Amino acid sequence: MRVDLHTHSIFSDGELIPAELVRRAAVLRHDAIAITDHVDMTNVDHVVTNLVKAAELSDDTIRVIPGVEITHVHPTKMAKVIKRAKELGAEWIVVHGETLAEPVAKGTNRAAARNPDVDVLAHPGLITEKDVDAAVDNDVILEITGRSWHNITNGYVADIARQFGAKVVINSDAHAPGDLMKEEAAMNVALGAGMTRKEATRAVNGLPAEILKRLCP
């Protein structure tokens, strides 16, 4: 099963309208795709309203999950933006973690890890043990990413997630057509991060299947 829980359309900085993004994912034999465009307090209403419409692209071959990626929002304001996104119909909440590739505000990982309304902490960089522990307590999933530059700490994230028993998924963070990953590519990202084959299979297939069953019964 291939489920990508972190992608972007033209409603933020992606290259494709939702219909083409979904079609390309379907051609790659994805079972589901979450469209999680970047939002803050200025654009959350516009983005979520339109991505809820994009969920109508779902058919017998692929399910479309409307979501958001809370991006560069100050930790003290994050909960407010998440609440608004969920009120508008966002079904999947990703938070843009403290990747080493961008100057994300210190404390972002901690705020996300402590919020049970967050589903995935994306590319969390050199996340601390304390924040991983909080993520476990609040059922926040850590991301191993296929995205260039964000992926430079994949090995660290995989290792610390193993130590604390944190849940892990493999996402593309796709912004362009070529960023979407087939199942084999996602497995390679996981194995390249130092995960065992059993761990990789769980992150690529097992956990996403459970999530999809919950979101799209």
N, C-alpha and C. Protein backbone atom coordinates (compact mmCIF):
# COMPACT_ATOMS: atom_id res chain seq x y z
N MET A 1 0.84 -1.20 0.00
CA MET A 1 0.00 0.00 0.00
C MET A 1 0.88 1.24 0.00
N ARG A 2 0.52 2.22 -0.81
CA ARG A 2 1.27 3.47 -0.84
C ARG A 2 0.34 4.62 -0.45
N VAL A 3 0.65 5.25 0.67
CA VAL A 3 -0.09 6.40 1.16
C VAL A 3 0.91 7.50 1.44
N ASP A 4 0.76 8.63 0.79
CA ASP A 4 1.65 9.78 1.01
C ASP A 4 0.89 10.81 1.82
N LEU A 5 1.38 11.12 3.00
CA LEU A 5 0.67 11.97 3.94
C LEU A 5 1.24 13.38 4.04
N HIS A 6 1.97 13.81 3.00
CA HIS A 6 2.55 15.16 3.02
C HIS A 6 2.89 15.57 1.60
N THR A 7 2.00 16.35 0.97
CA THR A 7 2.24 16.86 -0.39
C THR A 7 1.70 18.28 -0.51
N HIS A 8 2.09 18.94 -1.61
CA HIS A 8 1.70 20.34 -1.80
C HIS A 8 1.17 20.60 -3.22
N SER A 9 0.19 21.47 -3.30
CA SER A 9 -0.39 21.87 -4.57
C SER A 9 -0.14 23.36 -4.81
N ILE A 10 -0.77 23.91 -5.83
CA ILE A 10 -0.59 25.34 -6.12
C ILE A 10 -1.23 26.23 -5.05
N PHE A 11 -1.96 25.65 -4.12
CA PHE A 11 -2.52 26.47 -3.06
C PHE A 11 -1.46 26.90 -2.05
N SER A 12 -0.22 26.38 -2.19
CA SER A 12 0.91 26.97 -1.48
C SER A 12 2.06 27.06 -2.48
N ASP A 13 3.09 26.24 -2.32
CA ASP A 13 4.25 26.36 -3.21
C ASP A 13 4.45 25.14 -4.10
N GLY A 14 3.40 24.33 -4.28
CA GLY A 14 3.49 23.21 -5.21
C GLY A 14 3.27 23.66 -6.64
N GLU A 15 3.61 22.79 -7.58
CA GLU A 15 3.53 23.13 -9.00
C GLU A 15 2.21 22.73 -9.66
N LEU A 16 1.44 21.84 -9.03
CA LEU A 16 0.28 21.25 -9.69
C LEU A 16 -1.02 21.64 -9.01
N ILE A 17 -2.09 21.76 -9.82
CA ILE A 17 -3.41 21.88 -9.22
C ILE A 17 -3.75 20.53 -8.58
N PRO A 18 -4.64 20.50 -7.60
CA PRO A 18 -4.93 19.24 -6.92
C PRO A 18 -5.30 18.10 -7.86
N ALA A 19 -6.09 18.38 -8.90
CA ALA A 19 -6.52 17.31 -9.79
C ALA A 19 -5.34 16.61 -10.45
N GLU A 20 -4.35 17.37 -10.90
CA GLU A 20 -3.19 16.73 -11.53
C GLU A 20 -2.31 16.03 -10.50
N LEU A 21 -2.17 16.64 -9.34
CA LEU A 21 -1.40 15.99 -8.28
C LEU A 21 -2.00 14.63 -7.93
N VAL A 22 -3.31 14.59 -7.79
CA VAL A 22 -3.99 13.34 -7.46
C VAL A 22 -3.86 12.34 -8.61
N ARG A 23 -4.01 12.80 -9.84
CA ARG A 23 -3.90 11.91 -10.98
C ARG A 23 -2.52 11.29 -11.08
N ARG A 24 -1.50 12.09 -10.88
CA ARG A 24 -0.13 11.56 -10.95
C ARG A 24 0.13 10.55 -9.83
N ALA A 25 -0.43 10.81 -8.66
CA ALA A 25 -0.29 9.85 -7.56
C ALA A 25 -1.01 8.55 -7.89
N ALA A 26 -2.17 8.66 -8.51
CA ALA A 26 -2.92 7.46 -8.88
C ALA A 26 -2.15 6.63 -9.90
N VAL A 27 -1.51 7.28 -10.86
CA VAL A 27 -0.71 6.57 -11.86
C VAL A 27 0.45 5.82 -11.20
N LEU A 28 0.97 6.37 -10.11
CA LEU A 28 2.05 5.71 -9.36
C LEU A 28 1.51 4.66 -8.39
N ARG A 29 0.20 4.40 -8.48
CA ARG A 29 -0.46 3.35 -7.70
C ARG A 29 -0.56 3.70 -6.21
N HIS A 30 -0.71 4.99 -5.93
CA HIS A 30 -0.99 5.39 -4.55
C HIS A 30 -2.42 5.00 -4.20
N ASP A 31 -2.60 4.57 -2.98
CA ASP A 31 -3.94 4.28 -2.48
C ASP A 31 -4.60 5.53 -1.90
N ALA A 32 -3.77 6.45 -1.41
CA ALA A 32 -4.30 7.69 -0.84
C ALA A 32 -3.21 8.74 -0.86
N ILE A 33 -3.65 10.00 -0.84
CA ILE A 33 -2.72 11.12 -0.78
C ILE A 33 -3.34 12.22 0.07
N ALA A 34 -2.56 12.75 0.98
CA ALA A 34 -2.99 13.92 1.75
C ALA A 34 -2.37 15.15 1.11
N ILE A 35 -3.21 16.12 0.79
CA ILE A 35 -2.71 17.40 0.27
C ILE A 35 -2.62 18.34 1.46
N THR A 36 -1.41 18.74 1.79
CA THR A 36 -1.13 19.46 3.04
C THR A 36 -0.40 20.76 2.74
N ASP A 37 -1.10 21.70 2.14
CA ASP A 37 -0.45 22.95 1.76
C ASP A 37 -0.07 23.78 2.98
N HIS A 38 0.96 24.60 2.78
CA HIS A 38 1.48 25.46 3.84
C HIS A 38 0.44 26.49 4.26
N VAL A 39 0.23 26.62 5.57
CA VAL A 39 -0.68 27.65 6.06
C VAL A 39 -0.12 28.33 7.30
N ASP A 40 -0.57 29.57 7.47
CA ASP A 40 -0.41 30.28 8.73
C ASP A 40 -1.75 30.97 8.99
N MET A 41 -1.78 31.96 9.87
CA MET A 41 -3.05 32.61 10.20
C MET A 41 -3.61 33.45 9.06
N THR A 42 -2.78 33.76 8.06
CA THR A 42 -3.23 34.65 6.97
C THR A 42 -3.95 33.93 5.85
N ASN A 43 -3.68 32.65 5.64
CA ASN A 43 -4.24 31.96 4.48
C ASN A 43 -4.97 30.66 4.81
N VAL A 44 -5.10 30.32 6.08
CA VAL A 44 -5.67 29.03 6.44
C VAL A 44 -7.11 28.87 5.93
N ASP A 45 -7.90 29.93 5.97
CA ASP A 45 -9.29 29.82 5.51
C ASP A 45 -9.35 29.49 4.01
N HIS A 46 -8.57 30.22 3.23
CA HIS A 46 -8.58 30.02 1.77
C HIS A 46 -8.10 28.62 1.40
N VAL A 47 -6.99 28.20 1.99
CA VAL A 47 -6.39 26.92 1.62
C VAL A 47 -7.29 25.76 2.02
N VAL A 48 -7.72 25.72 3.25
CA VAL A 48 -8.49 24.58 3.71
C VAL A 48 -9.83 24.49 2.99
N THR A 49 -10.48 25.61 2.78
CA THR A 49 -11.75 25.60 2.06
C THR A 49 -11.60 24.94 0.70
N ASN A 50 -10.54 25.23 0.01
CA ASN A 50 -10.32 24.67 -1.33
C ASN A 50 -9.85 23.22 -1.28
N LEU A 51 -9.06 22.86 -0.29
CA LEU A 51 -8.61 21.47 -0.21
C LEU A 51 -9.74 20.54 0.23
N VAL A 52 -10.69 21.04 0.97
CA VAL A 52 -11.87 20.23 1.27
C VAL A 52 -12.61 19.91 -0.03
N LYS A 53 -12.67 20.89 -0.95
CA LYS A 53 -13.26 20.64 -2.26
C LYS A 53 -12.45 19.59 -3.02
N ALA A 54 -11.13 19.61 -2.85
CA ALA A 54 -10.26 18.67 -3.56
C ALA A 54 -10.52 17.23 -3.13
N ALA A 55 -11.07 17.05 -1.94
CA ALA A 55 -11.38 15.70 -1.48
C ALA A 55 -12.41 15.03 -2.38
N GLU A 56 -13.16 15.83 -3.15
CA GLU A 56 -14.13 15.28 -4.09
C GLU A 56 -13.45 14.56 -5.25
N LEU A 57 -12.12 14.70 -5.37
CA LEU A 57 -11.38 13.99 -6.40
C LEU A 57 -11.20 12.51 -6.05
N SER A 58 -11.56 12.14 -4.84
CA SER A 58 -11.47 10.73 -4.44
C SER A 58 -12.34 9.86 -5.35
N ASP A 59 -11.85 8.66 -5.66
CA ASP A 59 -12.64 7.70 -6.41
C ASP A 59 -12.28 6.29 -5.94
N ASP A 60 -12.63 5.30 -6.72
CA ASP A 60 -12.39 3.91 -6.31
C ASP A 60 -10.91 3.55 -6.29
N THR A 61 -10.07 4.35 -6.94
CA THR A 61 -8.65 4.01 -7.03
C THR A 61 -7.79 4.76 -6.02
N ILE A 62 -8.22 5.95 -5.58
CA ILE A 62 -7.39 6.75 -4.68
C ILE A 62 -8.27 7.61 -3.79
N ARG A 63 -7.84 7.75 -2.54
CA ARG A 63 -8.55 8.61 -1.60
C ARG A 63 -7.75 9.89 -1.40
N VAL A 64 -8.43 11.01 -1.34
CA VAL A 64 -7.79 12.31 -1.16
C VAL A 64 -8.15 12.85 0.22
N ILE A 65 -7.14 13.17 1.01
CA ILE A 65 -7.32 13.63 2.38
C ILE A 65 -6.96 15.12 2.45
N PRO A 66 -7.90 15.99 2.80
CA PRO A 66 -7.58 17.42 2.91
C PRO A 66 -6.84 17.71 4.21
N GLY A 67 -5.71 18.38 4.09
CA GLY A 67 -4.93 18.68 5.28
C GLY A 67 -4.22 20.01 5.18
N VAL A 68 -3.29 20.23 6.07
CA VAL A 68 -2.48 21.44 6.08
C VAL A 68 -1.09 21.11 6.61
N GLU A 69 -0.14 21.97 6.27
CA GLU A 69 1.14 21.97 6.96
C GLU A 69 1.29 23.33 7.63
N ILE A 70 1.23 23.35 8.94
CA ILE A 70 1.40 24.59 9.70
C ILE A 70 2.87 24.97 9.59
N THR A 71 3.15 26.11 8.96
CA THR A 71 4.51 26.42 8.53
C THR A 71 5.01 27.77 9.04
N HIS A 72 6.12 27.74 9.76
CA HIS A 72 6.74 28.95 10.30
C HIS A 72 5.77 29.77 11.14
N VAL A 73 4.85 29.09 11.81
CA VAL A 73 3.96 29.74 12.75
C VAL A 73 4.63 29.71 14.12
N HIS A 74 4.66 30.83 14.81
CA HIS A 74 5.31 30.87 16.12
C HIS A 74 4.65 29.85 17.04
N PRO A 75 5.44 29.15 17.84
CA PRO A 75 4.89 28.13 18.71
C PRO A 75 3.71 28.59 19.56
N THR A 76 3.69 29.85 19.98
CA THR A 76 2.61 30.34 20.83
C THR A 76 1.30 30.52 20.06
N LYS A 77 1.37 30.55 18.73
CA LYS A 77 0.17 30.75 17.91
C LYS A 77 -0.25 29.48 17.18
N MET A 78 0.53 28.42 17.29
CA MET A 78 0.29 27.21 16.52
C MET A 78 -1.07 26.58 16.82
N ALA A 79 -1.42 26.47 18.08
CA ALA A 79 -2.67 25.81 18.46
C ALA A 79 -3.88 26.52 17.86
N LYS A 80 -3.82 27.85 17.80
CA LYS A 80 -4.93 28.62 17.25
C LYS A 80 -5.12 28.32 15.76
N VAL A 81 -4.03 28.24 15.02
CA VAL A 81 -4.12 27.96 13.58
C VAL A 81 -4.60 26.53 13.34
N ILE A 82 -4.11 25.60 14.15
CA ILE A 82 -4.55 24.21 14.03
C ILE A 82 -6.05 24.10 14.29
N LYS A 83 -6.50 24.76 15.33
CA LYS A 83 -7.93 24.71 15.67
C LYS A 83 -8.77 25.23 14.51
N ARG A 84 -8.33 26.35 13.89
CA ARG A 84 -9.08 26.91 12.79
C ARG A 84 -9.09 25.97 11.59
N ALA A 85 -7.96 25.36 11.30
CA ALA A 85 -7.87 24.43 10.17
C ALA A 85 -8.84 23.26 10.35
N LYS A 86 -8.90 22.73 11.55
CA LYS A 86 -9.79 21.60 11.82
C LYS A 86 -11.26 22.03 11.74
N GLU A 87 -11.55 23.23 12.21
CA GLU A 87 -12.93 23.75 12.12
C GLU A 87 -13.39 23.84 10.67
N LEU A 88 -12.47 24.16 9.79
CA LEU A 88 -12.79 24.33 8.37
C LEU A 88 -12.85 23.01 7.61
N GLY A 89 -12.40 21.94 8.25
CA GLY A 89 -12.50 20.62 7.61
C GLY A 89 -11.20 19.92 7.33
N ALA A 90 -10.07 20.46 7.77
CA ALA A 90 -8.79 19.76 7.58
C ALA A 90 -8.81 18.47 8.40
N GLU A 91 -8.50 17.36 7.72
CA GLU A 91 -8.53 16.05 8.37
C GLU A 91 -7.15 15.56 8.76
N TRP A 92 -6.11 16.26 8.34
CA TRP A 92 -4.75 15.79 8.59
C TRP A 92 -3.87 17.01 8.86
N ILE A 93 -3.25 17.04 10.04
CA ILE A 93 -2.47 18.19 10.47
C ILE A 93 -0.98 17.83 10.53
N VAL A 94 -0.23 18.47 9.66
CA VAL A 94 1.22 18.34 9.63
C VAL A 94 1.81 19.65 10.15
N VAL A 95 2.86 19.56 10.94
CA VAL A 95 3.59 20.76 11.38
C VAL A 95 4.99 20.74 10.79
N HIS A 96 5.37 21.84 10.21
CA HIS A 96 6.70 22.03 9.61
C HIS A 96 7.73 22.09 10.73
N GLY A 97 8.45 20.99 10.92
CA GLY A 97 9.38 20.89 12.03
C GLY A 97 10.65 21.70 11.86
N GLU A 98 11.52 21.58 12.85
CA GLU A 98 12.75 22.38 12.91
C GLU A 98 13.86 21.80 12.03
N THR A 99 13.56 21.67 10.74
CA THR A 99 14.54 21.23 9.78
C THR A 99 15.77 22.13 9.80
N LEU A 100 16.93 21.54 9.55
CA LEU A 100 18.16 22.34 9.48
C LEU A 100 18.24 23.16 8.20
N ALA A 101 17.33 22.89 7.26
CA ALA A 101 17.37 23.57 5.97
C ALA A 101 16.69 24.94 5.99
N GLU A 102 15.95 25.25 7.05
CA GLU A 102 15.24 26.52 7.13
C GLU A 102 15.29 27.06 8.55
N PRO A 103 15.17 28.39 8.72
CA PRO A 103 15.24 28.99 10.06
C PRO A 103 13.92 28.93 10.81
N VAL A 104 13.47 27.74 11.13
CA VAL A 104 12.21 27.55 11.85
C VAL A 104 12.38 28.00 13.30
N ALA A 105 11.36 28.61 13.85
CA ALA A 105 11.43 29.14 15.21
C ALA A 105 11.74 28.04 16.22
N LYS A 106 12.65 28.32 17.12
CA LYS A 106 12.97 27.38 18.18
C LYS A 106 11.74 27.15 19.03
N GLY A 107 11.47 25.91 19.34
CA GLY A 107 10.29 25.56 20.13
C GLY A 107 9.16 25.01 19.29
N THR A 108 9.33 25.05 17.95
CA THR A 108 8.30 24.52 17.06
C THR A 108 8.10 23.02 17.29
N ASN A 109 9.20 22.28 17.34
CA ASN A 109 9.08 20.84 17.58
C ASN A 109 8.36 20.54 18.89
N ARG A 110 8.72 21.28 19.91
CA ARG A 110 8.12 21.03 21.23
C ARG A 110 6.63 21.32 21.23
N ALA A 111 6.23 22.45 20.62
CA ALA A 111 4.81 22.81 20.58
C ALA A 111 4.01 21.77 19.81
N ALA A 112 4.58 21.28 18.71
CA ALA A 112 3.89 20.26 17.91
C ALA A 112 3.80 18.93 18.66
N ALA A 113 4.90 18.53 19.27
CA ALA A 113 4.96 17.25 19.96
C ALA A 113 4.02 17.20 21.16
N ARG A 114 3.70 18.34 21.72
CA ARG A 114 2.83 18.39 22.89
C ARG A 114 1.36 18.60 22.53
N ASN A 115 1.06 18.69 21.26
CA ASN A 115 -0.32 18.96 20.84
C ASN A 115 -0.94 17.71 20.24
N PRO A 116 -1.89 17.08 20.91
CA PRO A 116 -2.49 15.85 20.38
C PRO A 116 -3.31 16.05 19.12
N ASP A 117 -3.56 17.30 18.72
CA ASP A 117 -4.25 17.56 17.45
C ASP A 117 -3.31 17.50 16.25
N VAL A 118 -2.01 17.40 16.51
CA VAL A 118 -1.02 17.28 15.43
C VAL A 118 -0.89 15.81 15.05
N ASP A 119 -0.92 15.54 13.76
CA ASP A 119 -0.77 14.16 13.28
C ASP A 119 0.68 13.82 12.96
N VAL A 120 1.38 14.72 12.25
CA VAL A 120 2.75 14.46 11.84
C VAL A 120 3.63 15.67 12.12
N LEU A 121 4.78 15.43 12.72
CA LEU A 121 5.83 16.45 12.83
C LEU A 121 6.81 16.19 11.69
N ALA A 122 6.75 17.04 10.68
CA ALA A 122 7.53 16.82 9.46
C ALA A 122 8.98 17.25 9.65
N HIS A 123 9.87 16.49 8.99
CA HIS A 123 11.31 16.79 8.98
C HIS A 123 11.75 17.56 10.23
N PRO A 124 11.75 16.89 11.40
CA PRO A 124 11.98 17.58 12.67
C PRO A 124 13.44 17.86 13.00
N GLY A 125 14.35 17.66 12.04
CA GLY A 125 15.75 18.02 12.27
C GLY A 125 16.36 17.25 13.42
N LEU A 126 17.15 17.93 14.24
CA LEU A 126 17.82 17.29 15.38
C LEU A 126 16.91 17.38 16.61
N ILE A 127 15.75 16.77 16.50
CA ILE A 127 14.76 16.81 17.57
C ILE A 127 15.35 16.24 18.86
N THR A 128 14.99 16.85 19.97
CA THR A 128 15.55 16.42 21.25
C THR A 128 14.83 15.19 21.78
N GLU A 129 15.49 14.52 22.71
CA GLU A 129 14.89 13.35 23.35
C GLU A 129 13.59 13.74 24.07
N LYS A 130 13.60 14.89 24.71
CA LYS A 130 12.43 15.36 25.45
C LYS A 130 11.24 15.55 24.51
N ASP A 131 11.50 16.08 23.32
CA ASP A 131 10.41 16.32 22.37
C ASP A 131 9.93 15.02 21.73
N VAL A 132 10.82 14.08 21.50
CA VAL A 132 10.40 12.77 21.00
C VAL A 132 9.52 12.08 22.03
N ASP A 133 9.91 12.16 23.29
CA ASP A 133 9.13 11.57 24.37
C ASP A 133 7.72 12.17 24.40
N ALA A 134 7.64 13.51 24.21
CA ALA A 134 6.34 14.17 24.19
C ALA A 134 5.52 13.71 22.98
N ALA A 135 6.18 13.52 21.85
CA ALA A 135 5.49 13.05 20.65
C ALA A 135 4.88 11.66 20.89
N VAL A 136 5.62 10.81 21.57
CA VAL A 136 5.10 9.47 21.88
C VAL A 136 3.86 9.59 22.78
N ASP A 137 3.95 10.43 23.79
CA ASP A 137 2.84 10.59 24.74
C ASP A 137 1.58 11.11 24.04
N ASN A 138 1.75 11.96 23.02
CA ASN A 138 0.61 12.60 22.35
C ASN A 138 0.26 11.99 21.00
N ASP A 139 0.90 10.84 20.71
CA ASP A 139 0.62 10.11 19.47
C ASP A 139 0.90 10.95 18.22
N VAL A 140 1.95 11.76 18.28
CA VAL A 140 2.39 12.55 17.14
C VAL A 140 3.44 11.74 16.37
N ILE A 141 3.22 11.57 15.08
CA ILE A 141 4.09 10.75 14.24
C ILE A 141 5.28 11.58 13.75
N LEU A 142 6.46 10.99 13.73
CA LEU A 142 7.64 11.65 13.18
C LEU A 142 7.81 11.26 11.72
N GLU A 143 8.30 12.19 10.93
CA GLU A 143 8.44 11.96 9.50
C GLU A 143 9.89 11.71 9.08
N ILE A 144 10.06 10.68 8.26
CA ILE A 144 11.28 10.47 7.49
C ILE A 144 10.93 10.94 6.08
N THR A 145 11.69 11.89 5.55
CA THR A 145 11.27 12.59 4.35
C THR A 145 12.12 12.28 3.12
N GLY A 146 11.47 12.29 1.98
CA GLY A 146 12.18 12.16 0.72
C GLY A 146 12.64 13.50 0.16
N ARG A 147 12.32 14.58 0.84
CA ARG A 147 12.60 15.93 0.34
C ARG A 147 14.07 16.30 0.51
N SER A 148 14.68 16.78 -0.56
CA SER A 148 16.08 17.18 -0.52
C SER A 148 16.31 18.23 0.55
N TRP A 149 17.46 18.17 1.20
CA TRP A 149 17.91 19.05 2.27
C TRP A 149 17.18 18.78 3.58
N HIS A 150 15.86 18.69 3.55
CA HIS A 150 15.15 18.32 4.77
C HIS A 150 15.58 16.92 5.22
N ASN A 151 16.03 16.10 4.27
CA ASN A 151 16.32 14.70 4.58
C ASN A 151 17.71 14.46 5.17
N ILE A 152 18.49 15.52 5.40
CA ILE A 152 19.85 15.32 5.88
C ILE A 152 19.90 14.78 7.31
N THR A 153 18.79 14.90 8.05
CA THR A 153 18.75 14.36 9.41
C THR A 153 17.88 13.10 9.51
N ASN A 154 17.55 12.50 8.38
CA ASN A 154 16.71 11.30 8.40
C ASN A 154 17.27 10.20 9.30
N GLY A 155 18.57 9.97 9.19
CA GLY A 155 19.20 8.91 9.99
C GLY A 155 19.08 9.18 11.48
N TYR A 156 19.28 10.43 11.86
CA TYR A 156 19.14 10.81 13.27
C TYR A 156 17.71 10.60 13.75
N VAL A 157 16.73 11.03 12.94
CA VAL A 157 15.32 10.90 13.32
C VAL A 157 14.94 9.42 13.46
N ALA A 158 15.38 8.60 12.51
CA ALA A 158 15.07 7.18 12.57
C ALA A 158 15.64 6.55 13.85
N ASP A 159 16.86 6.93 14.19
CA ASP A 159 17.51 6.36 15.36
C ASP A 159 16.84 6.76 16.67
N ILE A 160 16.54 8.06 16.80
CA ILE A 160 15.95 8.52 18.06
C ILE A 160 14.50 8.05 18.19
N ALA A 161 13.81 7.91 17.05
CA ALA A 161 12.46 7.35 17.08
C ALA A 161 12.49 5.91 17.58
N ARG A 162 13.47 5.15 17.13
CA ARG A 162 13.63 3.75 17.57
C ARG A 162 13.87 3.69 19.09
N GLN A 163 14.71 4.57 19.58
CA GLN A 163 15.05 4.57 21.01
C GLN A 163 13.82 4.79 21.88
N PHE A 164 12.92 5.66 21.43
CA PHE A 164 11.78 6.04 22.27
C PHE A 164 10.47 5.38 21.85
N GLY A 165 10.51 4.59 20.78
CA GLY A 165 9.29 3.93 20.34
C GLY A 165 8.31 4.86 19.66
N ALA A 166 8.81 5.92 19.02
CA ALA A 166 7.94 6.86 18.33
C ALA A 166 7.46 6.28 17.00
N LYS A 167 6.27 6.63 16.61
CA LYS A 167 5.74 6.22 15.31
C LYS A 167 6.43 7.02 14.21
N VAL A 168 6.64 6.35 13.06
CA VAL A 168 7.35 6.97 11.94
C VAL A 168 6.61 6.67 10.64
N VAL A 169 6.51 7.66 9.76
CA VAL A 169 6.01 7.44 8.41
C VAL A 169 7.02 8.01 7.41
N ILE A 170 6.94 7.51 6.18
CA ILE A 170 7.78 7.99 5.08
C ILE A 170 6.91 8.82 4.15
N ASN A 171 7.22 10.10 4.01
CA ASN A 171 6.46 10.99 3.13
C ASN A 171 7.37 11.61 2.09
N SER A 172 6.76 12.04 0.98
CA SER A 172 7.55 12.66 -0.08
C SER A 172 7.77 14.15 0.13
N ASP A 173 6.80 14.83 0.80
CA ASP A 173 6.81 16.30 0.86
C ASP A 173 6.87 16.85 -0.57
N ALA A 174 6.09 16.24 -1.46
CA ALA A 174 6.15 16.56 -2.89
C ALA A 174 5.69 17.99 -3.17
N HIS A 175 6.50 18.69 -3.96
CA HIS A 175 6.15 20.01 -4.48
C HIS A 175 6.04 20.00 -6.00
N ALA A 176 6.65 19.01 -6.63
CA ALA A 176 6.67 18.89 -8.09
C ALA A 176 6.36 17.45 -8.47
N PRO A 177 5.96 17.21 -9.73
CA PRO A 177 5.58 15.85 -10.15
C PRO A 177 6.64 14.80 -9.85
N GLY A 178 7.89 15.14 -10.07
CA GLY A 178 8.96 14.17 -9.87
C GLY A 178 9.26 13.86 -8.43
N ASP A 179 8.64 14.59 -7.48
CA ASP A 179 8.90 14.35 -6.07
C ASP A 179 8.09 13.18 -5.51
N LEU A 180 6.97 12.85 -6.15
CA LEU A 180 6.15 11.74 -5.67
C LEU A 180 6.95 10.44 -5.74
N MET A 181 6.78 9.58 -4.75
CA MET A 181 7.58 8.37 -4.66
C MET A 181 6.72 7.13 -4.79
N LYS A 182 7.16 6.20 -5.64
CA LYS A 182 6.57 4.88 -5.65
C LYS A 182 6.95 4.16 -4.35
N GLU A 183 6.32 3.04 -4.10
CA GLU A 183 6.58 2.30 -2.88
C GLU A 183 8.06 1.92 -2.76
N GLU A 184 8.66 1.50 -3.86
CA GLU A 184 10.08 1.11 -3.81
C GLU A 184 10.96 2.27 -3.40
N ALA A 185 10.67 3.47 -3.93
CA ALA A 185 11.46 4.64 -3.57
C ALA A 185 11.29 5.00 -2.10
N ALA A 186 10.06 4.90 -1.61
CA ALA A 186 9.81 5.18 -0.20
C ALA A 186 10.56 4.19 0.70
N MET A 187 10.58 2.93 0.30
CA MET A 187 11.34 1.93 1.05
C MET A 187 12.83 2.28 1.06
N ASN A 188 13.32 2.74 -0.07
CA ASN A 188 14.75 3.10 -0.14
C ASN A 188 15.08 4.27 0.77
N VAL A 189 14.17 5.23 0.87
CA VAL A 189 14.37 6.35 1.78
C VAL A 189 14.46 5.84 3.21
N ALA A 190 13.56 4.93 3.57
CA ALA A 190 13.56 4.37 4.92
C ALA A 190 14.83 3.57 5.21
N LEU A 191 15.20 2.71 4.29
CA LEU A 191 16.40 1.89 4.48
C LEU A 191 17.65 2.76 4.48
N GLY A 192 17.65 3.79 3.67
CA GLY A 192 18.79 4.71 3.63
C GLY A 192 18.95 5.50 4.91
N ALA A 193 17.85 5.63 5.66
CA ALA A 193 17.91 6.32 6.95
C ALA A 193 18.38 5.39 8.06
N GLY A 194 18.64 4.12 7.71
CA GLY A 194 19.14 3.18 8.69
C GLY A 194 18.07 2.34 9.35
N MET A 195 16.85 2.39 8.85
CA MET A 195 15.79 1.56 9.40
C MET A 195 15.98 0.11 8.96
N THR A 196 15.57 -0.82 9.80
CA THR A 196 15.57 -2.21 9.39
C THR A 196 14.46 -2.41 8.36
N ARG A 197 14.49 -3.52 7.65
CA ARG A 197 13.43 -3.76 6.67
C ARG A 197 12.06 -3.87 7.35
N LYS A 198 12.02 -4.45 8.54
CA LYS A 198 10.77 -4.55 9.27
C LYS A 198 10.27 -3.16 9.65
N GLU A 199 11.16 -2.30 10.13
CA GLU A 199 10.77 -0.94 10.49
C GLU A 199 10.33 -0.16 9.26
N ALA A 200 11.05 -0.35 8.15
CA ALA A 200 10.72 0.35 6.92
C ALA A 200 9.34 -0.06 6.40
N THR A 201 9.07 -1.35 6.44
CA THR A 201 7.77 -1.85 5.98
C THR A 201 6.64 -1.29 6.84
N ARG A 202 6.88 -1.20 8.12
CA ARG A 202 5.88 -0.62 9.02
C ARG A 202 5.63 0.85 8.68
N ALA A 203 6.70 1.59 8.42
CA ALA A 203 6.58 3.02 8.16
C ALA A 203 5.98 3.32 6.79
N VAL A 204 6.28 2.48 5.80
CA VAL A 204 5.80 2.70 4.43
C VAL A 204 4.41 2.12 4.22
N ASN A 205 4.14 0.96 4.81
CA ASN A 205 2.89 0.25 4.54
C ASN A 205 1.96 0.11 5.75
N GLY A 206 2.50 -0.39 6.84
CA GLY A 206 1.66 -0.77 7.97
C GLY A 206 0.93 0.39 8.63
N LEU A 207 1.68 1.38 9.12
CA LEU A 207 1.06 2.50 9.80
C LEU A 207 0.18 3.32 8.86
N PRO A 208 0.62 3.64 7.62
CA PRO A 208 -0.27 4.36 6.70
C PRO A 208 -1.58 3.63 6.43
N ALA A 209 -1.54 2.31 6.36
CA ALA A 209 -2.77 1.54 6.15
C ALA A 209 -3.73 1.73 7.32
N GLU A 210 -3.20 1.73 8.52
CA GLU A 210 -4.03 1.94 9.71
C GLU A 210 -4.64 3.35 9.70
N ILE A 211 -3.83 4.32 9.31
CA ILE A 211 -4.31 5.71 9.26
C ILE A 211 -5.41 5.85 8.21
N LEU A 212 -5.19 5.26 7.06
CA LEU A 212 -6.17 5.35 5.98
C LEU A 212 -7.50 4.71 6.40
N LYS A 213 -7.43 3.60 7.09
CA LYS A 213 -8.64 2.92 7.54
C LYS A 213 -9.41 3.80 8.52
N ARG A 214 -8.67 4.54 9.33
CA ARG A 214 -9.32 5.43 10.30
C ARG A 214 -9.93 6.65 9.63
N LEU A 215 -9.21 7.23 8.67
CA LEU A 215 -9.68 8.45 8.01
C LEU A 215 -10.74 8.19 6.96
N CYS A 216 -10.63 7.05 6.28
CA CYS A 216 -11.53 6.73 5.18
C CYS A 216 -12.12 5.34 5.38
N PRO A 217 -13.00 5.17 6.39
CA PRO A 217 -13.53 3.84 6.69
C PRO A 217 -14.42 3.31 5.57
